[in-house]
Amino acid sequence: MQQCLIHNDSLRLSRATYGIVILIACLIQNQWLVLMVSLLLILGVFSIKFNIPYQLLLLFFKKDKSKLIQRELEELNFVSGMTGILLFIGFLFLYFGKFVDFVWMYILIIALLIFLACFVGFCIATLIYVFFKKLFKWK
């Protein structure tokens, strides 16, 4: 698997940024903020350079080499894509007006999972990635 160096603090802060925007979207019930975050996350699947909050926060840290960690690129892409798709599905339900109250709770749960990954370091999507990796015996 292809490895890449990631600035861990920037990654955590970008997740916190996504979580805060999703939380604000839930509080003011703005479906367009959900769409914006889902598209930004899906855009981040193609390259870490397209993860706009990560890149902006990386500029503030001036690429401090001591905070770089090595991560699998596929893991980062999977986590970003899974989160983006789950939020996009929520947006589609909101846009078409189906199960609106349930969908806002669903989106709030996703925001809480983003905060869990950000502050605690426990990411459900990473666990799913590891499970699939072991299940299909990817190298």
C-alpha atoms as a PDB file:
ATOM      1  CA  MET A   1       0.000   0.000   0.000  1.00  0.00           C
ATOM      2  CA  GLN A   2       1.164   3.466  -0.830  1.00  0.00           C
ATOM      3  CA  GLN A   3       2.277   5.476   2.195  1.00  0.00           C
ATOM      4  CA  CYS A   4       2.259   9.240   2.525  1.00  0.00           C
ATOM      5  CA  LEU A   5       3.368  11.740   5.140  1.00  0.00           C
ATOM      6  CA  ILE A   6       0.499  13.578   6.788  1.00  0.00           C
ATOM      7  CA  HIS A   7       0.577  16.493   9.182  1.00  0.00           C
ATOM      8  CA  ASN A   8      -1.546  14.998  11.946  1.00  0.00           C
ATOM      9  CA  ASP A   9      -2.563  18.305  13.569  1.00  0.00           C
ATOM     10  CA  SER A  10      -3.774  19.698  10.238  1.00  0.00           C
ATOM     11  CA  LEU A  11      -5.730  16.504   9.576  1.00  0.00           C
ATOM     12  CA  ARG A  12      -7.397  16.684  12.983  1.00  0.00           C
ATOM     13  CA  LEU A  13      -8.201  20.370  12.592  1.00  0.00           C
ATOM     14  CA  SER A  14      -9.646  19.816   9.127  1.00  0.00           C
ATOM     15  CA  ARG A  15     -11.882  17.085  10.580  1.00  0.00           C
ATOM     16  CA  ALA A  16     -12.890  19.487  13.348  1.00  0.00           C
ATOM     17  CA  THR A  17     -13.706  22.097  10.707  1.00  0.00           C
ATOM     18  CA  TYR A  18     -15.927  19.633   8.851  1.00  0.00           C
ATOM     19  CA  GLY A  19     -17.573  18.607  12.117  1.00  0.00           C
ATOM     20  CA  ILE A  20     -18.261  22.205  13.158  1.00  0.00           C
ATOM     21  CA  VAL A  21     -19.779  23.072   9.771  1.00  0.00           C
ATOM     22  CA  ILE A  22     -21.985  19.963   9.905  1.00  0.00           C
ATOM     23  CA  LEU A  23     -23.003  20.797  13.473  1.00  0.00           C
ATOM     24  CA  ILE A  24     -23.910  24.347  12.395  1.00  0.00           C
ATOM     25  CA  ALA A  25     -25.864  22.888   9.470  1.00  0.00           C
ATOM     26  CA  CYS A  26     -27.831  20.740  11.930  1.00  0.00           C
ATOM     27  CA  LEU A  27     -28.515  23.640  14.262  1.00  0.00           C
ATOM     28  CA  ILE A  28     -29.774  25.967  11.531  1.00  0.00           C
ATOM     29  CA  GLN A  29     -31.061  23.062   9.395  1.00  0.00           C
ATOM     30  CA  ASN A  30     -29.249  24.174   6.251  1.00  0.00           C
ATOM     31  CA  GLN A  31     -29.008  21.369   3.720  1.00  0.00           C
ATOM     32  CA  TRP A  32     -26.623  23.340   1.490  1.00  0.00           C
ATOM     33  CA  LEU A  33     -23.904  23.286   4.141  1.00  0.00           C
ATOM     34  CA  VAL A  34     -24.274  19.506   4.236  1.00  0.00           C
ATOM     35  CA  LEU A  35     -23.848  19.417   0.452  1.00  0.00           C
ATOM     36  CA  MET A  36     -20.793  21.673   0.633  1.00  0.00           C
ATOM     37  CA  VAL A  37     -19.037  19.507   3.228  1.00  0.00           C
ATOM     38  CA  SER A  38     -19.919  16.278   1.425  1.00  0.00           C
ATOM     39  CA  LEU A  39     -18.522  17.615  -1.856  1.00  0.00           C
ATOM     40  CA  LEU A  40     -15.342  18.846  -0.135  1.00  0.00           C
ATOM     41  CA  LEU A  41     -14.859  15.422   1.442  1.00  0.00           C
ATOM     42  CA  ILE A  42     -15.501  13.607  -1.842  1.00  0.00           C
ATOM     43  CA  LEU A  43     -13.068  15.974  -3.565  1.00  0.00           C
ATOM     44  CA  GLY A  44     -10.461  14.996  -0.960  1.00  0.00           C
ATOM     45  CA  VAL A  45     -10.646  11.377  -2.169  1.00  0.00           C
ATOM     46  CA  PHE A  46      -8.793  12.190  -5.359  1.00  0.00           C
ATOM     47  CA  SER A  47      -5.797  13.729  -3.615  1.00  0.00           C
ATOM     48  CA  ILE A  48      -4.886  15.149  -0.223  1.00  0.00           C
ATOM     49  CA  LYS A  49      -4.062  18.324  -2.152  1.00  0.00           C
ATOM     50  CA  PHE A  50      -7.786  18.742  -2.865  1.00  0.00           C
ATOM     51  CA  ASN A  51      -8.639  18.598   0.840  1.00  0.00           C
ATOM     52  CA  ILE A  52      -9.062  22.355   1.113  1.00  0.00           C
ATOM     53  CA  PRO A  53      -9.299  22.747   4.926  1.00  0.00           C
ATOM     54  CA  TYR A  54      -6.272  20.479   5.369  1.00  0.00           C
ATOM     55  CA  GLN A  55      -4.229  22.533   2.906  1.00  0.00           C
ATOM     56  CA  LEU A  56      -5.276  25.837   4.489  1.00  0.00           C
ATOM     57  CA  LEU A  57      -4.382  24.630   7.962  1.00  0.00           C
ATOM     58  CA  LEU A  58      -1.114  23.202   6.664  1.00  0.00           C
ATOM     59  CA  LEU A  59      -0.132  26.714   5.584  1.00  0.00           C
ATOM     60  CA  PHE A  60      -0.488  27.925   9.176  1.00  0.00           C
ATOM     61  CA  PHE A  61       1.712  25.150  10.545  1.00  0.00           C
ATOM     62  CA  LYS A  62       4.457  25.900   7.999  1.00  0.00           C
ATOM     63  CA  LYS A  63       5.028  22.166   7.468  1.00  0.00           C
ATOM     64  CA  ASP A  64       6.592  21.444  10.852  1.00  0.00           C
ATOM     65  CA  LYS A  65       8.500  18.219  10.085  1.00  0.00           C
ATOM     66  CA  SER A  66       8.284  16.935  13.659  1.00  0.00           C
ATOM     67  CA  LYS A  67       4.500  16.503  13.417  1.00  0.00           C
ATOM     68  CA  LEU A  68       4.467  14.422  10.232  1.00  0.00           C
ATOM     69  CA  ILE A  69       3.172  10.864  10.488  1.00  0.00           C
ATOM     70  CA  GLN A  70       3.094   8.116   7.908  1.00  0.00           C
ATOM     71  CA  ARG A  71      -0.373   6.889   6.867  1.00  0.00           C
ATOM     72  CA  GLU A  72      -1.750   4.746   4.082  1.00  0.00           C
ATOM     73  CA  LEU A  73      -3.061   6.901   1.277  1.00  0.00           C
ATOM     74  CA  GLU A  74      -5.885   4.432   0.586  1.00  0.00           C
ATOM     75  CA  GLU A  75      -7.033   4.671   4.199  1.00  0.00           C
ATOM     76  CA  LEU A  76      -7.279   8.464   4.018  1.00  0.00           C
ATOM     77  CA  ASN A  77      -9.118   8.258   0.699  1.00  0.00           C
ATOM     78  CA  PHE A  78     -11.532   5.635   2.047  1.00  0.00           C
ATOM     79  CA  VAL A  79     -12.330   7.632   5.185  1.00  0.00           C
ATOM     80  CA  SER A  80     -12.867  10.837   3.234  1.00  0.00           C
ATOM     81  CA  GLY A  81     -14.968   9.122   0.581  1.00  0.00           C
ATOM     82  CA  MET A  82     -17.107   7.182   3.041  1.00  0.00           C
ATOM     83  CA  THR A  83     -17.838  10.267   5.127  1.00  0.00           C
ATOM     84  CA  GLY A  84     -18.578  12.324   2.023  1.00  0.00           C
ATOM     85  CA  ILE A  85     -20.921   9.711   0.564  1.00  0.00           C
ATOM     86  CA  LEU A  86     -22.793   9.269   3.848  1.00  0.00           C
ATOM     87  CA  LEU A  87     -23.302  13.032   4.080  1.00  0.00           C
ATOM     88  CA  PHE A  88     -24.327  13.227   0.416  1.00  0.00           C
ATOM     89  CA  ILE A  89     -26.957  10.523   0.979  1.00  0.00           C
ATOM     90  CA  GLY A  90     -28.257  12.592   3.884  1.00  0.00           C
ATOM     91  CA  PHE A  91     -28.359  15.667   1.654  1.00  0.00           C
ATOM     92  CA  LEU A  92     -30.351  13.789  -0.991  1.00  0.00           C
ATOM     93  CA  PHE A  93     -32.954  12.762   1.585  1.00  0.00           C
ATOM     94  CA  LEU A  94     -33.180  16.367   2.797  1.00  0.00           C
ATOM     95  CA  TYR A  95     -33.381  17.757  -0.722  1.00  0.00           C
ATOM     96  CA  PHE A  96     -36.249  15.468  -1.671  1.00  0.00           C
ATOM     97  CA  GLY A  97     -37.962  15.973   1.704  1.00  0.00           C
ATOM     98  CA  LYS A  98     -37.975  12.349   2.833  1.00  0.00           C
ATOM     99  CA  PHE A  99     -37.673  11.486   6.553  1.00  0.00           C
ATOM    100  CA  VAL A 100     -36.372  14.992   7.296  1.00  0.00           C
ATOM    101  CA  ASP A 101     -36.305  14.749  11.110  1.00  0.00           C
ATOM    102  CA  PHE A 102     -34.653  11.323  11.009  1.00  0.00           C
ATOM    103  CA  VAL A 103     -32.068  12.563   8.476  1.00  0.00           C
ATOM    104  CA  TRP A 104     -31.076  15.513  10.669  1.00  0.00           C
ATOM    105  CA  MET A 105     -30.465  13.068  13.529  1.00  0.00           C
ATOM    106  CA  TYR A 106     -28.462  10.860  11.127  1.00  0.00           C
ATOM    107  CA  ILE A 107     -26.341  13.850  10.054  1.00  0.00           C
ATOM    108  CA  LEU A 108     -25.850  14.844  13.692  1.00  0.00           C
ATOM    109  CA  ILE A 109     -24.585  11.324  14.438  1.00  0.00           C
ATOM    110  CA  ILE A 110     -22.127  11.623  11.542  1.00  0.00           C
ATOM    111  CA  ALA A 111     -20.949  14.967  12.975  1.00  0.00           C
ATOM    112  CA  LEU A 112     -20.426  13.323  16.361  1.00  0.00           C
ATOM    113  CA  LEU A 113     -18.429  10.515  14.704  1.00  0.00           C
ATOM    114  CA  ILE A 114     -16.287  13.141  12.948  1.00  0.00           C
ATOM    115  CA  PHE A 115     -15.637  14.786  16.323  1.00  0.00           C
ATOM    116  CA  LEU A 116     -14.811  11.380  17.805  1.00  0.00           C
ATOM    117  CA  ALA A 117     -12.198  10.850  15.097  1.00  0.00           C
ATOM    118  CA  CYS A 118     -10.886  14.362  15.562  1.00  0.00           C
ATOM    119  CA  PHE A 119     -10.578  14.626  19.338  1.00  0.00           C
ATOM    120  CA  VAL A 120     -10.215  11.020  20.489  1.00  0.00           C
ATOM    121  CA  GLY A 121      -8.495   9.602  17.414  1.00  0.00           C
ATOM    122  CA  PHE A 122     -10.999   6.737  17.091  1.00  0.00           C
ATOM    123  CA  CYS A 123     -12.369   6.622  13.539  1.00  0.00           C
ATOM    124  CA  ILE A 124     -15.133   4.169  12.643  1.00  0.00           C
ATOM    125  CA  ALA A 125     -14.374   4.520   8.913  1.00  0.00           C
ATOM    126  CA  THR A 126     -10.754   3.510   9.545  1.00  0.00           C
ATOM    127  CA  LEU A 127     -11.976   0.421  11.387  1.00  0.00           C
ATOM    128  CA  ILE A 128     -14.214  -0.444   8.428  1.00  0.00           C
ATOM    129  CA  TYR A 129     -11.238   0.059   6.091  1.00  0.00           C
ATOM    130  CA  VAL A 130      -9.087  -2.295   8.201  1.00  0.00           C
ATOM    131  CA  PHE A 131     -11.929  -4.839   8.299  1.00  0.00           C
ATOM    132  CA  PHE A 132     -12.285  -4.779   4.495  1.00  0.00           C
ATOM    133  CA  LYS A 133      -8.521  -4.922   4.086  1.00  0.00           C
ATOM    134  CA  LYS A 134      -8.308  -8.073   6.214  1.00  0.00           C
ATOM    135  CA  LEU A 135     -11.470  -9.569   4.700  1.00  0.00           C
ATOM    136  CA  PHE A 136     -10.204  -9.225   1.129  1.00  0.00           C
ATOM    137  CA  LYS A 137      -6.543  -9.703   2.137  1.00  0.00           C
ATOM    138  CA  TRP A 138      -5.285  -6.533   0.454  1.00  0.00           C
ATOM    139  CA  LYS A 139      -1.586  -5.961   0.876  1.00  0.00           C
END
